[in-house]
Amino acid sequence: MDEAIGQIIGALEETGRRKNALIFFSSDNGGPQPGKVTSNGPLRAGKGTLYEGGVQVVACAAWEGHIKPGSVVKSPMHMVDLYPTLLTLAGAALKQKLPLDGMDILPCLTDGQPSPRQEILHNATPFNGALRVGDWKLVLNGTAPASADEEGAQPKANKKKKRAAAVETVELFNLADDPYEKKDLATVQPAKMKALRQRYDALAKQAVKPKNVKE
């Protein structure tokens, strides 16, 4: 990967396009089986889960003359924000046939402005999901894999727990105070939990029903 990225940057420099290129690099999910195969640091869980170890990843952006070297952006962003950002840079219209889920984050990268994103829907399936609004995060059935494809990333105990689960689990975290999701606040913050659940349910209703779910 290092060699391939070096070849791309080398080609940009050789053709005189390096200064006119925004280079963005990001992972798509946290590492699987943390502690055994990979490490997600102190973040909870890993790939295939809705906890921060599965959904929070590092990313980097470079654009000479526009992004200050060594600057750090801590505002939450979503991968879908790249599309409208690149559209803006290219001078294309943000108005599309279907409404965009993403938001233009260029001012965050170049000027250090706050992210325009107030919420992030991590997932919404008939089995589980998670929603972040500001520093608050709601997790439904978090011990179940985030998708059938990711089931292999989960411990066997979690798989059994998913199959045997008859009662929905709801967790609430404040990521500003508890970035590693160790303290569930669902019972001590019922009003906040209810507000996030109502918002989550509203978003979940917009989702197309999976083809592998039977009536």
Foldseek 3Di string as FASTA:
>chain_A
DVVVVVVVCVVCVVVVNQQVDKDKDWDQWADFPDPPPHHLDLAPHTDQFPTCNTGPIDMDIDHPPFADPPDDQDADADPQQVVVQVCVSVVHDCDDPDHGPHHRCSCCRRVVDHDPDQKDWQAAAPQWTKMDGHQKIKTKLRLQGRDPVCRVRHDPVSVVCSVPDPDIDMFMDRCVVPVRRPDGCCVVCVVVSVVVVVVSVVVNVPDDHDPPDDD
